[in-house]
PDB file of N, CA and C in Angstrom:
ATOM      1  N   MET A   1      55.201  95.615 -29.780  1.00  0.00           N
ATOM      2  CA  MET A   1      54.550  95.575 -28.408  1.00  0.00           C
ATOM      3  C   MET A   1      55.568  95.544 -27.399  1.00  0.00           C
ATOM      4  N   GLU A   2      55.304  96.201 -26.320  1.00  0.00           N
ATOM      5  CA  GLU A   2      56.227  96.272 -25.236  1.00  0.00           C
ATOM      6  C   GLU A   2      55.491  95.858 -23.885  1.00  0.00           C
ATOM      7  N   ILE A   3      56.290  95.241 -22.904  1.00  0.00           N
ATOM      8  CA  ILE A   3      55.616  94.840 -21.690  1.00  0.00           C
ATOM      9  C   ILE A   3      56.365  95.652 -20.546  1.00  0.00           C
ATOM     10  N   GLU A   4      55.605  96.120 -19.625  1.00  0.00           N
ATOM     11  CA  GLU A   4      56.129  96.867 -18.534  1.00  0.00           C
ATOM     12  C   GLU A   4      55.740  96.098 -17.208  1.00  0.00           C
ATOM     13  N   PHE A   5      56.806  95.757 -16.426  1.00  0.00           N
ATOM     14  CA  PHE A   5      56.539  94.982 -15.216  1.00  0.00           C
ATOM     15  C   PHE A   5      57.526  95.493 -14.168  1.00  0.00           C
ATOM     16  N   THR A   6      57.309  95.045 -12.850  1.00  0.00           N
ATOM     17  CA  THR A   6      58.169  95.423 -11.714  1.00  0.00           C
ATOM     18  C   THR A   6      59.378  94.488 -11.717  1.00  0.00           C
ATOM     19  N   SER A   7      60.528  95.004 -11.374  1.00  0.00           N
ATOM     20  CA  SER A   7      61.677  94.244 -11.162  1.00  0.00           C
ATOM     21  C   SER A   7      62.234  94.621  -9.792  1.00  0.00           C
ATOM     22  N   GLN A   8      62.422  93.648  -9.009  1.00  0.00           N
ATOM     23  CA  GLN A   8      63.050  93.814  -7.682  1.00  0.00           C
ATOM     24  C   GLN A   8      64.225  92.971  -7.481  1.00  0.00           C
ATOM     25  N   VAL A   9      65.189  93.515  -6.891  1.00  0.00           N
ATOM     26  CA  VAL A   9      66.525  92.752  -6.763  1.00  0.00           C
ATOM     27  C   VAL A   9      66.890  92.644  -5.284  1.00  0.00           C
ATOM     28  N   PHE A  10      67.212  91.414  -4.921  1.00  0.00           N
ATOM     29  CA  PHE A  10      67.691  91.150  -3.533  1.00  0.00           C
ATOM     30  C   PHE A  10      68.961  90.286  -3.629  1.00  0.00           C
ATOM     31  N   LYS A  11      69.798  90.292  -2.571  1.00  0.00           N
ATOM     32  CA  LYS A  11      71.044  89.584  -2.502  1.00  0.00           C
ATOM     33  C   LYS A  11      70.697  88.236  -1.799  1.00  0.00           C
ATOM     34  N   GLU A  12      71.286  87.197  -2.402  1.00  0.00           N
ATOM     35  CA  GLU A  12      71.195  85.805  -1.864  1.00  0.00           C
ATOM     36  C   GLU A  12      72.471  85.227  -1.874  1.00  0.00           C
ATOM     37  N   GLY A  13      73.227  85.253  -0.689  1.00  0.00           N
ATOM     38  CA  GLY A  13      74.607  84.707  -0.618  1.00  0.00           C
ATOM     39  C   GLY A  13      75.482  85.665  -1.500  1.00  0.00           C
ATOM     40  N   ARG A  14      76.226  85.178  -2.450  1.00  0.00           N
ATOM     41  CA  ARG A  14      77.076  86.060  -3.287  1.00  0.00           C
ATOM     42  C   ARG A  14      76.358  86.595  -4.485  1.00  0.00           C
ATOM     43  N   LEU A  15      75.151  86.042  -4.766  1.00  0.00           N
ATOM     44  CA  LEU A  15      74.449  86.412  -6.013  1.00  0.00           C
ATOM     45  C   LEU A  15      73.416  87.447  -5.764  1.00  0.00           C
ATOM     46  N   TYR A  16      73.062  88.165  -6.749  1.00  0.00           N
ATOM     47  CA  TYR A  16      71.890  89.053  -6.788  1.00  0.00           C
ATOM     48  C   TYR A  16      70.904  88.447  -7.575  1.00  0.00           C
ATOM     49  N   VAL A  17      69.568  88.431  -7.049  1.00  0.00           N
ATOM     50  CA  VAL A  17      68.497  87.863  -7.767  1.00  0.00           C
ATOM     51  C   VAL A  17      67.551  88.825  -8.101  1.00  0.00           C
ATOM     52  N   ALA A  18      67.086  88.859  -9.373  1.00  0.00           N
ATOM     53  CA  ALA A  18      66.081  89.797  -9.890  1.00  0.00           C
ATOM     54  C   ALA A  18      64.815  89.028 -10.058  1.00  0.00           C
ATOM     55  N   HIS A  19      63.677  89.574  -9.692  1.00  0.00           N
ATOM     56  CA  HIS A  19      62.413  89.003  -9.665  1.00  0.00           C
ATOM     57  C   HIS A  19      61.382  89.863 -10.289  1.00  0.00           C
ATOM     58  N   ALA A  20      60.552  89.371 -11.147  1.00  0.00           N
ATOM     59  CA  ALA A  20      59.342  90.068 -11.717  1.00  0.00           C
ATOM     60  C   ALA A  20      58.191  89.369 -10.997  1.00  0.00           C
ATOM     61  N   PRO A  21      57.757  90.021  -9.961  1.00  0.00           N
ATOM     62  CA  PRO A  21      56.590  89.341  -9.178  1.00  0.00           C
ATOM     63  C   PRO A  21      55.279  89.112  -9.879  1.00  0.00           C
ATOM     64  N   GLU A  22      54.972  90.026 -10.882  1.00  0.00           N
ATOM     65  CA  GLU A  22      53.722  89.787 -11.615  1.00  0.00           C
ATOM     66  C   GLU A  22      53.678  88.540 -12.413  1.00  0.00           C
ATOM     67  N   LEU A  23      54.952  88.088 -12.959  1.00  0.00           N
ATOM     68  CA  LEU A  23      55.058  86.981 -13.718  1.00  0.00           C
ATOM     69  C   LEU A  23      55.680  85.826 -13.032  1.00  0.00           C
ATOM     70  N   ASP A  24      56.142  86.091 -11.871  1.00  0.00           N
ATOM     71  CA  ASP A  24      56.973  85.016 -11.003  1.00  0.00           C
ATOM     72  C   ASP A  24      58.001  84.402 -11.781  1.00  0.00           C
ATOM     73  N   VAL A  25      58.766  85.356 -12.311  1.00  0.00           N
ATOM     74  CA  VAL A  25      60.080  84.947 -13.092  1.00  0.00           C
ATOM     75  C   VAL A  25      61.221  85.548 -12.463  1.00  0.00           C
ATOM     76  N   SER A  26      62.360  84.822 -12.301  1.00  0.00           N
ATOM     77  CA  SER A  26      63.493  85.318 -11.610  1.00  0.00           C
ATOM     78  C   SER A  26      64.726  84.974 -12.421  1.00  0.00           C
ATOM     79  N   SER A  27      65.787  85.655 -12.239  1.00  0.00           N
ATOM     80  CA  SER A  27      67.108  85.341 -12.700  1.00  0.00           C
ATOM     81  C   SER A  27      68.115  85.946 -11.754  1.00  0.00           C
ATOM     82  N   CYS A  28      69.350  85.580 -12.015  1.00  0.00           N
ATOM     83  CA  CYS A  28      70.423  85.997 -11.066  1.00  0.00           C
ATOM     84  C   CYS A  28      71.590  86.605 -11.833  1.00  0.00           C
ATOM     85  N   GLY A  29      72.578  87.166 -11.067  1.00  0.00           N
ATOM     86  CA  GLY A  29      73.824  87.677 -11.655  1.00  0.00           C
ATOM     87  C   GLY A  29      74.702  88.103 -10.553  1.00  0.00           C
ATOM     88  N   GLY A  30      75.974  88.272 -10.906  1.00  0.00           N
ATOM     89  CA  GLY A  30      77.003  88.760  -9.999  1.00  0.00           C
ATOM     90  C   GLY A  30      76.894  90.192  -9.453  1.00  0.00           C
ATOM     91  N   ASN A  31      76.049  90.912 -10.054  1.00  0.00           N
ATOM     92  CA  ASN A  31      75.809  92.278  -9.597  1.00  0.00           C
ATOM     93  C   ASN A  31      74.311  92.623  -9.990  1.00  0.00           C
ATOM     94  N   PRO A  32      73.776  93.681  -9.333  1.00  0.00           N
ATOM     95  CA  PRO A  32      72.421  94.035  -9.630  1.00  0.00           C
ATOM     96  C   PRO A  32      72.065  94.279 -11.107  1.00  0.00           C
ATOM     97  N   GLN A  33      73.072  94.918 -11.800  1.00  0.00           N
ATOM     98  CA  GLN A  33      72.681  95.186 -13.175  1.00  0.00           C
ATOM     99  C   GLN A  33      72.682  93.947 -14.089  1.00  0.00           C
ATOM    100  N   LYS A  34      73.582  93.009 -13.758  1.00  0.00           N
ATOM    101  CA  LYS A  34      73.670  91.751 -14.467  1.00  0.00           C
ATOM    102  C   LYS A  34      72.463  90.827 -14.190  1.00  0.00           C
ATOM    103  N   ALA A  35      71.972  90.941 -12.955  1.00  0.00           N
ATOM    104  CA  ALA A  35      70.678  90.221 -12.531  1.00  0.00           C
ATOM    105  C   ALA A  35      69.554  90.780 -13.334  1.00  0.00           C
ATOM    106  N   ARG A  36      69.376  92.118 -13.415  1.00  0.00           N
ATOM    107  CA  ARG A  36      68.326  92.607 -14.162  1.00  0.00           C
ATOM    108  C   ARG A  36      68.362  92.402 -15.583  1.00  0.00           C
ATOM    109  N   LYS A  37      69.569  92.443 -16.261  1.00  0.00           N
ATOM    110  CA  LYS A  37      69.722  92.084 -17.710  1.00  0.00           C
ATOM    111  C   LYS A  37      69.347  90.643 -17.883  1.00  0.00           C
ATOM    112  N   ASN A  38      69.749  89.694 -16.994  1.00  0.00           N
ATOM    113  CA  ASN A  38      69.327  88.278 -17.094  1.00  0.00           C
ATOM    114  C   ASN A  38      67.875  88.125 -16.879  1.00  0.00           C
ATOM    115  N   LEU A  39      67.220  88.934 -16.088  1.00  0.00           N
ATOM    116  CA  LEU A  39      65.809  88.848 -15.874  1.00  0.00           C
ATOM    117  C   LEU A  39      65.033  89.262 -17.167  1.00  0.00           C
ATOM    118  N   LEU A  40      65.539  90.212 -17.825  1.00  0.00           N
ATOM    119  CA  LEU A  40      64.878  90.678 -19.062  1.00  0.00           C
ATOM    120  C   LEU A  40      64.866  89.580 -20.036  1.00  0.00           C
ATOM    121  N   GLU A  41      66.013  88.765 -20.186  1.00  0.00           N
ATOM    122  CA  GLU A  41      66.117  87.642 -21.090  1.00  0.00           C
ATOM    123  C   GLU A  41      65.280  86.540 -20.615  1.00  0.00           C
ATOM    124  N   ALA A  42      65.179  86.264 -19.229  1.00  0.00           N
ATOM    125  CA  ALA A  42      64.329  85.225 -18.720  1.00  0.00           C
ATOM    126  C   ALA A  42      62.828  85.538 -19.020  1.00  0.00           C
ATOM    127  N   VAL A  43      62.437  86.769 -18.890  1.00  0.00           N
ATOM    128  CA  VAL A  43      61.009  87.219 -19.155  1.00  0.00           C
ATOM    129  C   VAL A  43      60.698  87.071 -20.646  1.00  0.00           C
ATOM    130  N   ARG A  44      61.669  87.394 -21.436  1.00  0.00           N
ATOM    131  CA  ARG A  44      61.429  87.319 -22.958  1.00  0.00           C
ATOM    132  C   ARG A  44      61.270  85.889 -23.282  1.00  0.00           C
ATOM    133  N   LEU A  45      62.019  84.972 -22.805  1.00  0.00           N
ATOM    134  CA  LEU A  45      61.891  83.546 -23.080  1.00  0.00           C
ATOM    135  C   LEU A  45      60.672  82.942 -22.504  1.00  0.00           C
ATOM    136  N   PHE A  46      60.301  83.441 -21.323  1.00  0.00           N
ATOM    137  CA  PHE A  46      59.015  82.943 -20.675  1.00  0.00           C
ATOM    138  C   PHE A  46      57.843  83.307 -21.532  1.00  0.00           C
ATOM    139  N   LEU A  47      57.813  84.590 -22.005  1.00  0.00           N
ATOM    140  CA  LEU A  47      56.682  85.063 -22.858  1.00  0.00           C
ATOM    141  C   LEU A  47      56.646  84.356 -24.157  1.00  0.00           C
ATOM    142  N   GLU A  48      57.791  84.118 -24.788  1.00  0.00           N
ATOM    143  CA  GLU A  48      57.867  83.425 -26.035  1.00  0.00           C
ATOM    144  C   GLU A  48      57.327  81.910 -25.925  1.00  0.00           C
ATOM    145  N   GLU A  49      57.763  81.292 -24.789  1.00  0.00           N
ATOM    146  CA  GLU A  49      57.193  79.901 -24.600  1.00  0.00           C
ATOM    147  C   GLU A  49      55.790  79.899 -24.276  1.00  0.00           C
ATOM    148  N   ALA A  50      55.228  80.886 -23.537  1.00  0.00           N
ATOM    149  CA  ALA A  50      53.868  80.893 -23.183  1.00  0.00           C
ATOM    150  C   ALA A  50      53.056  81.132 -24.549  1.00  0.00           C
ATOM    151  N   GLU A  51      53.547  81.981 -25.401  1.00  0.00           N
ATOM    152  CA  GLU A  51      52.888  82.226 -26.729  1.00  0.00           C
ATOM    153  C   GLU A  51      52.838  80.876 -27.502  1.00  0.00           C
ATOM    154  N   LYS A  52      54.020  80.226 -27.582  1.00  0.00           N
ATOM    155  CA  LYS A  52      54.069  78.989 -28.314  1.00  0.00           C
ATOM    156  C   LYS A  52      52.995  77.917 -27.764  1.00  0.00           C
ATOM    157  N   MET A  53      52.864  77.916 -26.446  1.00  0.00           N
ATOM    158  CA  MET A  53      51.959  76.906 -25.775  1.00  0.00           C
ATOM    159  C   MET A  53      50.458  77.421 -25.821  1.00  0.00           C
ATOM    160  N   GLY A  54      50.314  78.634 -26.261  1.00  0.00           N
ATOM    161  CA  GLY A  54      48.883  79.140 -26.300  1.00  0.00           C
ATOM    162  C   GLY A  54      48.355  79.573 -24.952  1.00  0.00           C
ATOM    163  N   THR A  55      49.247  79.877 -23.996  1.00  0.00           N
ATOM    164  CA  THR A  55      48.844  80.270 -22.620  1.00  0.00           C
ATOM    165  C   THR A  55      49.094  81.718 -22.293  1.00  0.00           C
ATOM    166  N   LEU A  56      49.710  82.446 -23.226  1.00  0.00           N
ATOM    167  CA  LEU A  56      50.221  83.878 -22.938  1.00  0.00           C
ATOM    168  C   LEU A  56      48.969  84.719 -22.477  1.00  0.00           C
ATOM    169  N   GLU A  57      47.895  84.717 -23.223  1.00  0.00           N
ATOM    170  CA  GLU A  57      46.820  85.636 -22.877  1.00  0.00           C
ATOM    171  C   GLU A  57      46.293  85.310 -21.467  1.00  0.00           C
ATOM    172  N   ARG A  58      46.126  84.082 -21.175  1.00  0.00           N
ATOM    173  CA  ARG A  58      45.574  83.673 -19.807  1.00  0.00           C
ATOM    174  C   ARG A  58      46.529  84.131 -18.759  1.00  0.00           C
ATOM    175  N   ILE A  59      47.861  83.845 -18.962  1.00  0.00           N
ATOM    176  CA  ILE A  59      48.866  84.258 -17.908  1.00  0.00           C
ATOM    177  C   ILE A  59      48.816  85.708 -17.686  1.00  0.00           C
ATOM    178  N   LEU A  60      48.676  86.527 -18.772  1.00  0.00           N
ATOM    179  CA  LEU A  60      48.750  87.983 -18.579  1.00  0.00           C
ATOM    180  C   LEU A  60      47.491  88.455 -17.954  1.00  0.00           C
ATOM    181  N   GLN A  61      46.335  87.871 -18.304  1.00  0.00           N
ATOM    182  CA  GLN A  61      45.082  88.249 -17.672  1.00  0.00           C
ATOM    183  C   GLN A  61      45.138  87.892 -16.244  1.00  0.00           C
ATOM    184  N   GLU A  62      45.530  86.761 -15.863  1.00  0.00           N
ATOM    185  CA  GLU A  62      45.547  86.342 -14.432  1.00  0.00           C
ATOM    186  C   GLU A  62      46.539  87.188 -13.617  1.00  0.00           C
ATOM    187  N   ALA A  63      47.624  87.695 -14.302  1.00  0.00           N
ATOM    188  CA  ALA A  63      48.597  88.468 -13.589  1.00  0.00           C
ATOM    189  C   ALA A  63      48.121  89.912 -13.488  1.00  0.00           C
ATOM    190  N   GLY A  64      46.999  90.272 -14.113  1.00  0.00           N
ATOM    191  CA  GLY A  64      46.587  91.613 -13.992  1.00  0.00           C
ATOM    192  C   GLY A  64      47.118  92.666 -15.017  1.00  0.00           C
ATOM    193  N   PHE A  65      47.573  92.152 -16.154  1.00  0.00           N
ATOM    194  CA  PHE A  65      48.134  93.017 -17.199  1.00  0.00           C
ATOM    195  C   PHE A  65      47.018  93.575 -17.994  1.00  0.00           C
ATOM    196  N   THR A  66      47.184  94.846 -18.480  1.00  0.00           N
ATOM    197  CA  THR A  66      46.181  95.458 -19.360  1.00  0.00           C
ATOM    198  C   THR A  66      46.934  95.994 -20.571  1.00  0.00           C
ATOM    199  N   ARG A  67      46.211  96.001 -21.764  1.00  0.00           N
ATOM    200  CA  ARG A  67      46.752  96.657 -22.917  1.00  0.00           C
ATOM    201  C   ARG A  67      46.486  98.131 -23.075  1.00  0.00           C
ATOM    202  N   ARG A  68      47.528  98.886 -23.264  1.00  0.00           N
ATOM    203  CA  ARG A  68      47.382 100.260 -23.578  1.00  0.00           C
ATOM    204  C   ARG A  68      48.152 100.633 -24.744  1.00  0.00           C
ATOM    205  N   LYS A  69      47.470 100.818 -25.937  1.00  0.00           N
ATOM    206  CA  LYS A  69      48.120 101.023 -27.251  1.00  0.00           C
ATOM    207  C   LYS A  69      48.974  99.904 -27.506  1.00  0.00           C
ATOM    208  N   GLN A  70      50.287 100.235 -27.581  1.00  0.00           N
ATOM    209  CA  GLN A  70      51.284  99.057 -27.917  1.00  0.00           C
ATOM    210  C   GLN A  70      52.109  98.613 -26.665  1.00  0.00           C
ATOM    211  N   LYS A  71      51.426  98.765 -25.541  1.00  0.00           N
ATOM    212  CA  LYS A  71      52.139  98.402 -24.216  1.00  0.00           C
ATOM    213  C   LYS A  71      51.205  97.525 -23.466  1.00  0.00           C
ATOM    214  N   LEU A  72      51.813  96.504 -22.794  1.00  0.00           N
ATOM    215  CA  LEU A  72      51.235  95.671 -21.802  1.00  0.00           C
ATOM    216  C   LEU A  72      51.744  96.220 -20.443  1.00  0.00           C
ATOM    217  N   GLN A  73      50.757  96.637 -19.640  1.00  0.00           N
ATOM    218  CA  GLN A  73      51.229  97.169 -18.340  1.00  0.00           C
ATOM    219  C   GLN A  73      50.695  96.277 -17.200  1.00  0.00           C
ATOM    220  N   GLY A  74      51.719  95.918 -16.307  1.00  0.00           N
ATOM    221  CA  GLY A  74      51.295  95.090 -15.152  1.00  0.00           C
ATOM    222  C   GLY A  74      50.655  96.018 -14.081  1.00  0.00           C
ATOM    223  N   PRO A  75      50.149  95.384 -13.061  1.00  0.00           N
ATOM    224  CA  PRO A  75      49.512  96.121 -12.001  1.00  0.00           C
ATOM    225  C   PRO A  75      50.593  97.105 -11.435  1.00  0.00           C
ATOM    226  N   LYS A  76      50.129  98.249 -10.991  1.00  0.00           N
ATOM    227  CA  LYS A  76      51.042  99.234 -10.324  1.00  0.00           C
ATOM    228  C   LYS A  76      51.383  98.836  -8.967  1.00  0.00           C
ATOM    229  N   LEU A  77      52.625  98.822  -8.549  1.00  0.00           N
ATOM    230  CA  LEU A  77      53.048  98.630  -7.270  1.00  0.00           C
ATOM    231  C   LEU A  77      52.757  99.853  -6.300  1.00  0.00           C
ATOM    232  N   ILE A  78      51.931  99.575  -5.343  1.00  0.00           N
ATOM    233  CA  ILE A  78      51.532 100.806  -4.529  1.00  0.00           C
ATOM    234  C   ILE A  78      52.490 100.976  -3.279  1.00  0.00           C
ATOM    235  N   SER A  79      52.870  99.785  -2.701  1.00  0.00           N
ATOM    236  CA  SER A  79      53.701  99.903  -1.474  1.00  0.00           C
ATOM    237  C   SER A  79      54.638  98.676  -1.435  1.00  0.00           C
ATOM    238  N   LEU A  80      55.815  98.926  -0.915  1.00  0.00           N
ATOM    239  CA  LEU A  80      56.713  97.827  -0.593  1.00  0.00           C
ATOM    240  C   LEU A  80      57.288  98.144   0.808  1.00  0.00           C
ATOM    241  N   LYS A  81      57.136  97.205   1.730  1.00  0.00           N
ATOM    242  CA  LYS A  81      57.565  97.541   3.068  1.00  0.00           C
ATOM    243  C   LYS A  81      58.056  96.223   3.715  1.00  0.00           C
ATOM    244  N   ARG A  82      59.165  96.234   4.356  1.00  0.00           N
ATOM    245  CA  ARG A  82      59.653  95.050   5.066  1.00  0.00           C
ATOM    246  C   ARG A  82      58.887  95.024   6.442  1.00  0.00           C
ATOM    247  N   VAL A  83      58.190  93.778   6.676  1.00  0.00           N
ATOM    248  CA  VAL A  83      57.538  93.737   7.992  1.00  0.00           C
ATOM    249  C   VAL A  83      58.054  92.415   8.686  1.00  0.00           C
ATOM    250  N   SER A  84      57.715  92.356   9.879  1.00  0.00           N
ATOM    251  CA  SER A  84      58.018  91.135  10.713  1.00  0.00           C
ATOM    252  C   SER A  84      56.779  90.600  11.428  1.00  0.00           C
ATOM    253  N   LEU A  85      56.829  89.363  11.692  1.00  0.00           N
ATOM    254  CA  LEU A  85      55.765  88.657  12.352  1.00  0.00           C
ATOM    255  C   LEU A  85      56.343  87.537  13.227  1.00  0.00           C
ATOM    256  N   PRO A  86      55.876  87.677  14.515  1.00  0.00           N
ATOM    257  CA  PRO A  86      56.401  86.573  15.464  1.00  0.00           C
ATOM    258  C   PRO A  86      55.790  85.224  14.937  1.00  0.00           C
ATOM    259  N   VAL A  87      56.641  84.190  15.082  1.00  0.00           N
ATOM    260  CA  VAL A  87      56.207  82.885  14.692  1.00  0.00           C
ATOM    261  C   VAL A  87      56.343  81.888  15.957  1.00  0.00           C
ATOM    262  N   LEU A  88      55.529  80.874  15.898  1.00  0.00           N
ATOM    263  CA  LEU A  88      55.598  79.970  17.062  1.00  0.00           C
ATOM    264  C   LEU A  88      56.991  79.266  17.033  1.00  0.00           C
ATOM    265  N   GLN A  89      57.399  78.859  18.118  1.00  0.00           N
ATOM    266  CA  GLN A  89      58.780  78.253  18.248  1.00  0.00           C
ATOM    267  C   GLN A  89      58.934  77.069  17.348  1.00  0.00           C
ATOM    268  N   MET A  90      57.814  76.236  17.296  1.00  0.00           N
ATOM    269  CA  MET A  90      57.945  74.984  16.467  1.00  0.00           C
ATOM    270  C   MET A  90      58.100  75.363  15.013  1.00  0.00           C
ATOM    271  N   HIS A  91      57.649  76.521  14.481  1.00  0.00           N
ATOM    272  CA  HIS A  91      57.791  76.843  13.111  1.00  0.00           C
ATOM    273  C   HIS A  91      59.181  77.544  12.830  1.00  0.00           C
ATOM    274  N   ALA A  92      59.901  77.950  13.878  1.00  0.00           N
ATOM    275  CA  ALA A  92      61.099  78.618  13.702  1.00  0.00           C
ATOM    276  C   ALA A  92      62.375  77.767  13.647  1.00  0.00           C
ATOM    277  N   LYS A  93      62.181  76.476  13.866  1.00  0.00           N
ATOM    278  CA  LYS A  93      63.290  75.474  13.728  1.00  0.00           C
ATOM    279  C   LYS A  93      63.774  75.296  12.345  1.00  0.00           C
ATOM    280  N   THR A  94      65.021  75.440  12.186  1.00  0.00           N
ATOM    281  CA  THR A  94      65.594  75.249  10.830  1.00  0.00           C
ATOM    282  C   THR A  94      66.707  74.034  10.882  1.00  0.00           C
TER     283      THR A  94
END
């Protein structure tokens, strides 16, 4: 069985963070390739633990995964766009 999911990478300080939004699993590394490699391991461990706990089917169903032959496919990403939204001054304080 194989699982297909989205991997997005962003920079956070000196590290690169890889995130699988469908599963809400993240990992990091010193470069984008290492972050993605670490994400694959994190997803594998997440799925193994969910299977042991008996929650894997529910997690995959809630995340929108479907089975196609020997592949689990996550929802297709249609659009990714950076947007901005004005916030009230009281929310902008850091």
